[in-house]
Amino acid sequence: MAIRRLTLNEINYSIAIKEDSNSLIATITNLETNEETSQIIDYYSSINGQKINLIINGSNVTIFVQHVDGKTVVTIDNILYVVESSESSKKRGSKGSSGDPEGIISAPLAGIVTKINVALGDIIEAGKTVCIVEAMKMQNEIKIPINGVITAIDFNESDRVEKNEIIIRYDVSE
């Protein structure tokens, strides 16, 4: 039986896969709530490594898999999931979902800072939008990955930023 740990949309799971004669049994455990579910996968195939057709508990399911920025993006029934193995999560240390080291928020791409939603000293909850960077008429909401107190804002609204330039600095808070 193969057991893997992974992070899916920032929740840690354990997946145990047991091979039966013509099927797989996948047991998925939410490591935070200990909630467990099992699925019987009767048929599995991979087409070009991107599309997977499954029969799960008697229902046909098509899964699309893409690899983007070192993470795996899985689409099931038009719902996007970001999957990251625990090993890669450990390798990146204490980085947030954006990939930035803890304490900084940087531009994911070159563009114009169109909105700063925080001020020095603000206490911000994880997942809140701290600024918006616009590139090619698309607005990208930049969120703080963990709770923090804003300690520096290095750009103003209407400033141009380059990819990976630090926009906001923060101290981690509880």
N, C-alpha and C. Protein backbone atom coordinates (compact mmCIF):
# COMPACT_ATOMS: atom_id res chain seq x y z
N MET A 1 0.85 -1.17 0.00
CA MET A 1 0.00 0.00 0.00
C MET A 1 0.90 1.23 0.00
N ALA A 2 0.64 2.13 -0.93
CA ALA A 2 1.40 3.38 -1.02
C ALA A 2 0.69 4.46 -0.23
N ILE A 3 1.44 5.16 0.61
CA ILE A 3 0.87 6.27 1.39
C ILE A 3 1.64 7.53 1.05
N ARG A 4 0.92 8.57 0.72
CA ARG A 4 1.52 9.86 0.38
C ARG A 4 0.87 10.95 1.20
N ARG A 5 1.64 11.98 1.48
CA ARG A 5 1.10 13.18 2.13
C ARG A 5 1.12 14.30 1.10
N LEU A 6 0.07 15.12 1.11
CA LEU A 6 0.04 16.25 0.19
C LEU A 6 -0.75 17.38 0.80
N THR A 7 -0.54 18.57 0.23
CA THR A 7 -1.28 19.75 0.63
C THR A 7 -2.17 20.13 -0.54
N LEU A 8 -3.47 20.23 -0.28
CA LEU A 8 -4.45 20.58 -1.30
C LEU A 8 -5.20 21.81 -0.84
N ASN A 9 -5.06 22.91 -1.58
CA ASN A 9 -5.67 24.19 -1.18
C ASN A 9 -5.35 24.52 0.28
N GLU A 10 -4.08 24.32 0.65
CA GLU A 10 -3.52 24.65 1.95
C GLU A 10 -4.05 23.78 3.10
N ILE A 11 -4.61 22.61 2.80
CA ILE A 11 -5.04 21.65 3.82
C ILE A 11 -4.21 20.39 3.63
N ASN A 12 -3.68 19.83 4.73
CA ASN A 12 -2.82 18.66 4.67
C ASN A 12 -3.64 17.37 4.68
N TYR A 13 -3.29 16.45 3.77
CA TYR A 13 -3.99 15.18 3.65
C TYR A 13 -2.98 14.04 3.59
N SER A 14 -3.46 12.86 3.94
CA SER A 14 -2.72 11.63 3.73
C SER A 14 -3.57 10.79 2.78
N ILE A 15 -2.94 10.20 1.77
CA ILE A 15 -3.66 9.36 0.82
C ILE A 15 -3.00 7.99 0.81
N ALA A 16 -3.79 6.97 1.13
CA ALA A 16 -3.32 5.59 1.09
C ALA A 16 -3.99 4.92 -0.11
N ILE A 17 -3.19 4.34 -0.98
CA ILE A 17 -3.72 3.69 -2.17
C ILE A 17 -3.40 2.20 -2.11
N LYS A 18 -4.46 1.40 -2.17
CA LYS A 18 -4.32 -0.05 -2.11
C LYS A 18 -4.79 -0.61 -3.45
N GLU A 19 -3.96 -1.43 -4.07
CA GLU A 19 -4.32 -2.00 -5.37
C GLU A 19 -5.04 -3.32 -5.15
N ASP A 20 -6.22 -3.43 -5.75
CA ASP A 20 -7.01 -4.65 -5.72
C ASP A 20 -6.87 -5.30 -7.10
N SER A 21 -7.58 -6.37 -7.38
CA SER A 21 -7.43 -7.06 -8.66
C SER A 21 -7.63 -6.14 -9.86
N ASN A 22 -8.77 -5.49 -10.01
CA ASN A 22 -9.02 -4.61 -11.15
C ASN A 22 -9.36 -3.20 -10.72
N SER A 23 -8.99 -2.83 -9.53
CA SER A 23 -9.35 -1.48 -9.06
C SER A 23 -8.34 -0.99 -8.04
N LEU A 24 -8.49 0.26 -7.70
CA LEU A 24 -7.70 0.87 -6.63
C LEU A 24 -8.67 1.31 -5.55
N ILE A 25 -8.23 1.26 -4.31
CA ILE A 25 -9.00 1.82 -3.21
C ILE A 25 -8.16 2.95 -2.63
N ALA A 26 -8.68 4.17 -2.74
CA ALA A 26 -7.97 5.35 -2.23
C ALA A 26 -8.64 5.79 -0.94
N THR A 27 -7.87 5.82 0.14
CA THR A 27 -8.37 6.31 1.42
C THR A 27 -7.70 7.64 1.69
N ILE A 28 -8.51 8.68 1.82
CA ILE A 28 -8.02 10.04 1.99
C ILE A 28 -8.36 10.50 3.39
N THR A 29 -7.35 10.99 4.12
CA THR A 29 -7.54 11.46 5.49
C THR A 29 -7.14 12.92 5.59
N ASN A 30 -8.06 13.76 6.07
CA ASN A 30 -7.76 15.16 6.36
C ASN A 30 -6.96 15.15 7.65
N LEU A 31 -5.69 15.55 7.61
CA LEU A 31 -4.82 15.45 8.77
C LEU A 31 -5.15 16.47 9.85
N GLU A 32 -5.97 17.47 9.52
CA GLU A 32 -6.34 18.47 10.51
C GLU A 32 -7.59 18.06 11.28
N THR A 33 -8.53 17.36 10.62
CA THR A 33 -9.79 16.97 11.28
C THR A 33 -9.88 15.47 11.51
N ASN A 34 -8.93 14.70 10.95
CA ASN A 34 -8.93 13.24 10.97
C ASN A 34 -10.14 12.63 10.26
N GLU A 35 -10.85 13.43 9.46
CA GLU A 35 -11.96 12.91 8.67
C GLU A 35 -11.40 12.04 7.56
N GLU A 36 -12.01 10.87 7.37
CA GLU A 36 -11.50 9.90 6.41
C GLU A 36 -12.59 9.50 5.42
N THR A 37 -12.21 9.35 4.17
CA THR A 37 -13.14 8.88 3.14
C THR A 37 -12.40 7.91 2.23
N SER A 38 -13.13 6.91 1.74
CA SER A 38 -12.54 5.94 0.82
C SER A 38 -13.30 5.96 -0.49
N GLN A 39 -12.57 5.82 -1.59
CA GLN A 39 -13.16 5.79 -2.92
C GLN A 39 -12.63 4.56 -3.65
N ILE A 40 -13.51 3.88 -4.36
CA ILE A 40 -13.11 2.75 -5.19
C ILE A 40 -12.96 3.25 -6.62
N ILE A 41 -11.79 3.06 -7.18
CA ILE A 41 -11.51 3.50 -8.54
C ILE A 41 -11.45 2.24 -9.40
N ASP A 42 -12.52 2.01 -10.19
CA ASP A 42 -12.63 0.78 -10.97
C ASP A 42 -11.75 0.76 -12.20
N TYR A 43 -11.54 1.90 -12.80
CA TYR A 43 -10.79 1.94 -14.04
C TYR A 43 -9.98 3.22 -14.06
N TYR A 44 -8.77 3.12 -14.47
CA TYR A 44 -7.97 4.34 -14.55
C TYR A 44 -7.07 4.30 -15.77
N SER A 45 -6.95 5.46 -16.41
CA SER A 45 -6.06 5.56 -17.56
C SER A 45 -5.56 6.99 -17.66
N SER A 46 -4.40 7.15 -18.25
CA SER A 46 -3.83 8.47 -18.44
C SER A 46 -3.66 8.71 -19.93
N ILE A 47 -4.11 9.86 -20.39
CA ILE A 47 -3.96 10.22 -21.79
C ILE A 47 -3.03 11.42 -21.86
N ASN A 48 -1.88 11.25 -22.46
CA ASN A 48 -0.89 12.32 -22.59
C ASN A 48 -0.45 12.88 -21.24
N GLY A 49 -0.67 12.17 -20.16
CA GLY A 49 -0.27 12.65 -18.85
C GLY A 49 -1.04 13.86 -18.38
N GLN A 50 -2.05 14.31 -19.12
CA GLN A 50 -2.79 15.52 -18.78
C GLN A 50 -4.25 15.25 -18.43
N LYS A 51 -4.84 14.22 -19.03
CA LYS A 51 -6.26 13.93 -18.85
C LYS A 51 -6.38 12.52 -18.30
N ILE A 52 -7.16 12.37 -17.24
CA ILE A 52 -7.33 11.06 -16.62
C ILE A 52 -8.82 10.77 -16.57
N ASN A 53 -9.22 9.60 -17.09
CA ASN A 53 -10.61 9.16 -17.03
C ASN A 53 -10.73 8.10 -15.96
N LEU A 54 -11.67 8.29 -15.04
CA LEU A 54 -11.85 7.36 -13.93
C LEU A 54 -13.31 6.97 -13.79
N ILE A 55 -13.55 5.81 -13.21
CA ILE A 55 -14.88 5.45 -12.74
C ILE A 55 -14.74 5.33 -11.23
N ILE A 56 -15.31 6.29 -10.51
CA ILE A 56 -15.19 6.32 -9.06
C ILE A 56 -16.56 6.04 -8.46
N ASN A 57 -16.64 4.95 -7.69
CA ASN A 57 -17.91 4.52 -7.09
C ASN A 57 -19.03 4.49 -8.13
N GLY A 58 -18.71 4.02 -9.35
CA GLY A 58 -19.71 3.87 -10.39
C GLY A 58 -19.96 5.09 -11.25
N SER A 59 -19.34 6.23 -10.96
CA SER A 59 -19.56 7.46 -11.74
C SER A 59 -18.33 7.77 -12.58
N ASN A 60 -18.56 8.18 -13.83
CA ASN A 60 -17.46 8.60 -14.70
C ASN A 60 -16.95 9.96 -14.27
N VAL A 61 -15.65 10.09 -14.15
CA VAL A 61 -15.02 11.35 -13.76
C VAL A 61 -13.83 11.60 -14.68
N THR A 62 -13.74 12.82 -15.21
CA THR A 62 -12.59 13.21 -16.01
C THR A 62 -11.81 14.25 -15.23
N ILE A 63 -10.52 14.02 -15.10
CA ILE A 63 -9.65 14.90 -14.34
C ILE A 63 -8.58 15.44 -15.29
N PHE A 64 -8.37 16.74 -15.25
CA PHE A 64 -7.30 17.37 -16.04
C PHE A 64 -6.19 17.77 -15.09
N VAL A 65 -4.96 17.47 -15.47
CA VAL A 65 -3.80 17.75 -14.63
C VAL A 65 -2.85 18.66 -15.39
N GLN A 66 -2.42 19.75 -14.73
CA GLN A 66 -1.44 20.67 -15.31
C GLN A 66 -0.37 20.93 -14.27
N HIS A 67 0.84 21.22 -14.73
CA HIS A 67 1.92 21.59 -13.84
C HIS A 67 2.23 23.06 -14.08
N VAL A 68 2.03 23.88 -13.04
CA VAL A 68 2.19 25.33 -13.15
C VAL A 68 3.06 25.82 -12.00
N ASP A 69 4.14 26.51 -12.30
CA ASP A 69 5.02 27.11 -11.29
C ASP A 69 5.40 26.12 -10.19
N GLY A 70 5.74 24.90 -10.55
CA GLY A 70 6.20 23.92 -9.58
C GLY A 70 5.09 23.27 -8.77
N LYS A 71 3.85 23.58 -9.07
CA LYS A 71 2.72 22.98 -8.37
C LYS A 71 1.87 22.23 -9.38
N THR A 72 1.05 21.33 -8.90
CA THR A 72 0.15 20.60 -9.77
C THR A 72 -1.24 21.19 -9.61
N VAL A 73 -1.85 21.55 -10.73
CA VAL A 73 -3.21 22.09 -10.73
C VAL A 73 -4.11 21.01 -11.31
N VAL A 74 -5.11 20.59 -10.52
CA VAL A 74 -6.02 19.52 -10.91
C VAL A 74 -7.41 20.12 -11.06
N THR A 75 -8.08 19.83 -12.18
CA THR A 75 -9.44 20.30 -12.41
C THR A 75 -10.37 19.09 -12.42
N ILE A 76 -11.34 19.10 -11.50
CA ILE A 76 -12.35 18.05 -11.41
C ILE A 76 -13.70 18.73 -11.40
N ASP A 77 -14.57 18.39 -12.36
CA ASP A 77 -15.90 19.02 -12.47
C ASP A 77 -15.81 20.54 -12.45
N ASN A 78 -14.89 21.09 -13.23
CA ASN A 78 -14.69 22.54 -13.36
C ASN A 78 -14.29 23.23 -12.06
N ILE A 79 -13.81 22.48 -11.08
CA ILE A 79 -13.29 23.06 -9.84
C ILE A 79 -11.78 22.86 -9.85
N LEU A 80 -11.05 23.96 -9.63
CA LEU A 80 -9.59 23.94 -9.66
C LEU A 80 -9.04 23.64 -8.27
N TYR A 81 -8.09 22.71 -8.18
CA TYR A 81 -7.42 22.39 -6.93
C TYR A 81 -5.92 22.55 -7.16
N VAL A 82 -5.22 23.15 -6.19
CA VAL A 82 -3.78 23.26 -6.26
C VAL A 82 -3.21 22.20 -5.32
N VAL A 83 -2.41 21.30 -5.86
CA VAL A 83 -1.87 20.19 -5.10
C VAL A 83 -0.37 20.38 -4.96
N GLU A 84 0.11 20.21 -3.73
CA GLU A 84 1.53 20.35 -3.46
C GLU A 84 1.93 19.21 -2.54
N SER A 85 2.97 18.48 -2.88
CA SER A 85 3.39 17.39 -2.01
C SER A 85 3.98 17.95 -0.73
N SER A 86 3.87 17.20 0.35
CA SER A 86 4.44 17.65 1.62
C SER A 86 5.94 17.84 1.50
N GLU A 87 6.58 17.03 0.67
CA GLU A 87 8.03 17.16 0.50
C GLU A 87 8.38 18.53 -0.07
N SER A 88 7.66 18.98 -1.10
CA SER A 88 7.98 20.29 -1.68
C SER A 88 7.58 21.40 -0.74
N SER A 89 6.55 21.19 0.07
CA SER A 89 6.15 22.18 1.06
C SER A 89 7.24 22.34 2.11
N LYS A 90 7.85 21.23 2.53
CA LYS A 90 8.93 21.29 3.50
C LYS A 90 10.15 21.98 2.91
N LYS A 91 10.44 21.71 1.63
CA LYS A 91 11.61 22.30 0.98
C LYS A 91 11.51 23.81 0.91
N ARG A 92 10.29 24.33 0.73
CA ARG A 92 10.20 25.77 0.60
C ARG A 92 10.17 26.47 1.95
N GLY A 93 10.23 25.70 3.03
CA GLY A 93 10.32 26.31 4.35
C GLY A 93 9.06 27.03 4.73
N SER A 94 9.21 28.19 5.38
CA SER A 94 8.04 28.91 5.87
C SER A 94 7.62 29.97 4.87
N LYS A 95 7.29 29.54 3.69
CA LYS A 95 6.81 30.48 2.68
C LYS A 95 5.29 30.41 2.65
N GLY A 96 4.71 31.50 2.21
CA GLY A 96 3.26 31.54 2.08
C GLY A 96 2.83 30.92 0.77
N SER A 97 1.52 30.97 0.53
CA SER A 97 0.99 30.37 -0.68
C SER A 97 1.50 31.06 -1.93
N SER A 98 1.95 32.29 -1.80
CA SER A 98 2.45 33.02 -2.96
C SER A 98 3.85 32.57 -3.36
N GLY A 99 4.53 31.83 -2.49
CA GLY A 99 5.90 31.43 -2.77
C GLY A 99 6.91 32.40 -2.21
N ASP A 100 6.46 33.52 -1.64
CA ASP A 100 7.37 34.49 -1.03
C ASP A 100 7.84 33.97 0.32
N PRO A 101 9.07 34.33 0.73
CA PRO A 101 9.49 34.02 2.09
C PRO A 101 8.58 34.74 3.09
N GLU A 102 8.45 34.16 4.25
CA GLU A 102 7.63 34.76 5.30
C GLU A 102 8.08 36.19 5.57
N GLY A 103 7.13 37.12 5.64
CA GLY A 103 7.44 38.51 5.97
C GLY A 103 7.48 39.46 4.80
N ILE A 104 7.42 38.92 3.57
CA ILE A 104 7.40 39.82 2.41
C ILE A 104 6.31 39.40 1.43
N ILE A 105 5.81 40.38 0.72
CA ILE A 105 4.86 40.14 -0.36
C ILE A 105 5.43 40.82 -1.58
N SER A 106 5.68 40.03 -2.62
CA SER A 106 6.30 40.60 -3.82
C SER A 106 5.36 40.48 -5.02
N ALA A 107 5.70 41.21 -6.07
CA ALA A 107 4.89 41.21 -7.28
C ALA A 107 5.04 39.88 -8.00
N PRO A 108 3.93 39.20 -8.31
CA PRO A 108 4.01 37.93 -9.03
C PRO A 108 4.35 38.12 -10.50
N LEU A 109 4.17 39.38 -11.00
CA LEU A 109 4.48 39.71 -12.38
C LEU A 109 4.66 41.21 -12.49
N ALA A 110 5.27 41.66 -13.55
CA ALA A 110 5.46 43.10 -13.76
C ALA A 110 4.11 43.74 -14.06
N GLY A 111 3.91 44.95 -13.54
CA GLY A 111 2.65 45.64 -13.77
C GLY A 111 2.58 46.94 -13.00
N ILE A 112 1.38 47.46 -12.84
CA ILE A 112 1.12 48.71 -12.12
C ILE A 112 0.37 48.39 -10.84
N VAL A 113 0.83 48.96 -9.72
CA VAL A 113 0.10 48.82 -8.45
C VAL A 113 -1.11 49.73 -8.55
N THR A 114 -2.29 49.14 -8.65
CA THR A 114 -3.51 49.95 -8.81
C THR A 114 -4.21 50.23 -7.49
N LYS A 115 -3.94 49.40 -6.47
CA LYS A 115 -4.61 49.59 -5.18
C LYS A 115 -3.75 49.04 -4.06
N ILE A 116 -3.60 49.82 -2.99
CA ILE A 116 -2.97 49.35 -1.75
C ILE A 116 -4.09 49.34 -0.71
N ASN A 117 -4.41 48.18 -0.17
CA ASN A 117 -5.53 48.03 0.76
C ASN A 117 -5.13 48.07 2.22
N VAL A 118 -3.85 48.34 2.52
CA VAL A 118 -3.37 48.32 3.90
C VAL A 118 -2.57 49.58 4.20
N ALA A 119 -2.35 49.82 5.48
CA ALA A 119 -1.52 50.93 5.94
C ALA A 119 -0.53 50.39 6.96
N LEU A 120 0.52 51.15 7.23
CA LEU A 120 1.51 50.73 8.24
C LEU A 120 0.81 50.46 9.56
N GLY A 121 1.18 49.34 10.18
CA GLY A 121 0.63 48.99 11.48
C GLY A 121 -0.66 48.20 11.43
N ASP A 122 -1.28 48.08 10.25
CA ASP A 122 -2.52 47.30 10.14
C ASP A 122 -2.25 45.84 10.50
N ILE A 123 -3.20 45.24 11.21
CA ILE A 123 -3.16 43.82 11.52
C ILE A 123 -4.06 43.13 10.49
N ILE A 124 -3.48 42.25 9.69
CA ILE A 124 -4.19 41.66 8.57
C ILE A 124 -4.30 40.14 8.76
N GLU A 125 -5.49 39.61 8.49
CA GLU A 125 -5.72 38.17 8.57
C GLU A 125 -5.26 37.47 7.30
N ALA A 126 -4.81 36.25 7.44
CA ALA A 126 -4.37 35.44 6.29
C ALA A 126 -5.47 35.39 5.24
N GLY A 127 -5.06 35.52 3.98
CA GLY A 127 -5.99 35.42 2.87
C GLY A 127 -6.62 36.73 2.44
N LYS A 128 -6.37 37.81 3.19
CA LYS A 128 -6.94 39.12 2.82
C LYS A 128 -6.10 39.75 1.71
N THR A 129 -6.77 40.46 0.81
CA THR A 129 -6.08 41.15 -0.28
C THR A 129 -5.39 42.39 0.27
N VAL A 130 -4.06 42.48 0.07
CA VAL A 130 -3.30 43.63 0.56
C VAL A 130 -3.03 44.65 -0.54
N CYS A 131 -3.01 44.20 -1.80
CA CYS A 131 -2.82 45.12 -2.91
C CYS A 131 -3.27 44.46 -4.21
N ILE A 132 -3.39 45.28 -5.23
CA ILE A 132 -3.76 44.78 -6.56
C ILE A 132 -2.73 45.27 -7.56
N VAL A 133 -2.21 44.35 -8.36
CA VAL A 133 -1.26 44.68 -9.42
C VAL A 133 -1.96 44.37 -10.75
N GLU A 134 -1.97 45.35 -11.64
CA GLU A 134 -2.61 45.17 -12.94
C GLU A 134 -1.55 44.97 -14.00
N ALA A 135 -1.75 43.95 -14.82
CA ALA A 135 -0.85 43.67 -15.94
C ALA A 135 -1.71 43.26 -17.13
N MET A 136 -1.51 43.89 -18.25
CA MET A 136 -2.24 43.59 -19.48
C MET A 136 -3.75 43.60 -19.24
N LYS A 137 -4.22 44.62 -18.53
CA LYS A 137 -5.64 44.85 -18.24
C LYS A 137 -6.26 43.78 -17.35
N MET A 138 -5.43 42.94 -16.72
CA MET A 138 -5.93 41.95 -15.77
C MET A 138 -5.48 42.34 -14.38
N GLN A 139 -6.43 42.36 -13.44
CA GLN A 139 -6.10 42.72 -12.07
C GLN A 139 -5.77 41.46 -11.28
N ASN A 140 -4.64 41.48 -10.59
CA ASN A 140 -4.19 40.36 -9.78
C ASN A 140 -4.23 40.76 -8.32
N GLU A 141 -5.14 40.14 -7.56
CA GLU A 141 -5.23 40.42 -6.13
C GLU A 141 -4.09 39.70 -5.43
N ILE A 142 -3.30 40.45 -4.66
CA ILE A 142 -2.18 39.87 -3.92
C ILE A 142 -2.64 39.73 -2.47
N LYS A 143 -2.61 38.50 -1.97
CA LYS A 143 -3.12 38.22 -0.63
C LYS A 143 -1.98 37.90 0.33
N ILE A 144 -2.19 38.23 1.59
CA ILE A 144 -1.21 37.89 2.62
C ILE A 144 -1.41 36.40 2.97
N PRO A 145 -0.34 35.59 2.99
CA PRO A 145 -0.51 34.16 3.19
C PRO A 145 -0.78 33.75 4.64
N ILE A 146 -0.33 34.58 5.59
CA ILE A 146 -0.53 34.27 7.01
C ILE A 146 -0.86 35.57 7.73
N ASN A 147 -1.37 35.46 8.97
CA ASN A 147 -1.68 36.66 9.74
C ASN A 147 -0.42 37.49 9.93
N GLY A 148 -0.57 38.83 9.81
CA GLY A 148 0.60 39.67 9.96
C GLY A 148 0.27 41.11 10.28
N VAL A 149 1.31 41.85 10.69
CA VAL A 149 1.22 43.29 10.96
C VAL A 149 2.09 43.98 9.91
N ILE A 150 1.51 44.92 9.17
CA ILE A 150 2.21 45.59 8.08
C ILE A 150 3.31 46.49 8.66
N THR A 151 4.56 46.27 8.20
CA THR A 151 5.71 47.05 8.70
C THR A 151 6.29 48.00 7.66
N ALA A 152 6.04 47.74 6.38
CA ALA A 152 6.56 48.63 5.33
C ALA A 152 5.75 48.44 4.06
N ILE A 153 5.55 49.55 3.37
CA ILE A 153 4.91 49.53 2.05
C ILE A 153 5.89 50.23 1.11
N ASP A 154 6.51 49.46 0.22
CA ASP A 154 7.60 49.96 -0.61
C ASP A 154 7.16 50.63 -1.91
N PHE A 155 5.88 50.54 -2.25
CA PHE A 155 5.36 51.15 -3.48
C PHE A 155 4.08 51.90 -3.17
N ASN A 156 3.74 52.85 -4.03
CA ASN A 156 2.49 53.59 -3.94
C ASN A 156 1.57 53.17 -5.08
N GLU A 157 0.29 53.52 -4.95
CA GLU A 157 -0.63 53.28 -6.05
C GLU A 157 -0.12 54.02 -7.28
N SER A 158 -0.28 53.42 -8.44
CA SER A 158 0.16 53.93 -9.76
C SER A 158 1.64 53.67 -10.04
N ASP A 159 2.41 53.14 -9.08
CA ASP A 159 3.82 52.81 -9.32
C ASP A 159 3.92 51.55 -10.17
N ARG A 160 4.96 51.52 -11.00
CA ARG A 160 5.25 50.32 -11.80
C ARG A 160 6.16 49.41 -10.97
N VAL A 161 5.84 48.10 -10.96
CA VAL A 161 6.67 47.11 -10.27
C VAL A 161 7.13 46.07 -11.28
N GLU A 162 8.29 45.51 -11.01
CA GLU A 162 8.80 44.41 -11.81
C GLU A 162 8.51 43.10 -11.08
N LYS A 163 8.53 42.02 -11.80
CA LYS A 163 8.29 40.71 -11.20
C LYS A 163 9.27 40.48 -10.05
N ASN A 164 8.77 39.98 -8.93
CA ASN A 164 9.52 39.63 -7.72
C ASN A 164 9.99 40.82 -6.90
N GLU A 165 9.64 42.06 -7.27
CA GLU A 165 9.98 43.20 -6.42
C GLU A 165 9.09 43.18 -5.18
N ILE A 166 9.70 43.50 -4.04
CA ILE A 166 8.95 43.50 -2.78
C ILE A 166 8.03 44.71 -2.74
N ILE A 167 6.74 44.45 -2.51
CA ILE A 167 5.75 45.52 -2.43
C ILE A 167 5.45 45.87 -0.98
N ILE A 168 5.25 44.84 -0.15
CA ILE A 168 4.84 45.03 1.25
C ILE A 168 5.65 44.09 2.13
N ARG A 169 6.00 44.60 3.33
CA ARG A 169 6.69 43.79 4.34
C ARG A 169 5.78 43.71 5.57
N TYR A 170 5.86 42.57 6.27
CA TYR A 170 5.02 42.39 7.46
C TYR A 170 5.73 41.50 8.47
N ASP A 171 5.30 41.65 9.73
CA ASP A 171 5.73 40.74 10.79
C ASP A 171 4.61 39.75 11.02
N VAL A 172 4.96 38.50 11.24
CA VAL A 172 3.96 37.47 11.49
C VAL A 172 3.31 37.72 12.84
N SER A 173 1.98 37.55 12.89
CA SER A 173 1.26 37.68 14.16
C SER A 173 0.37 36.45 14.34
N GLU A 174 -0.13 36.29 15.53
CA GLU A 174 -1.00 35.14 15.84
C GLU A 174 -2.39 35.36 15.35
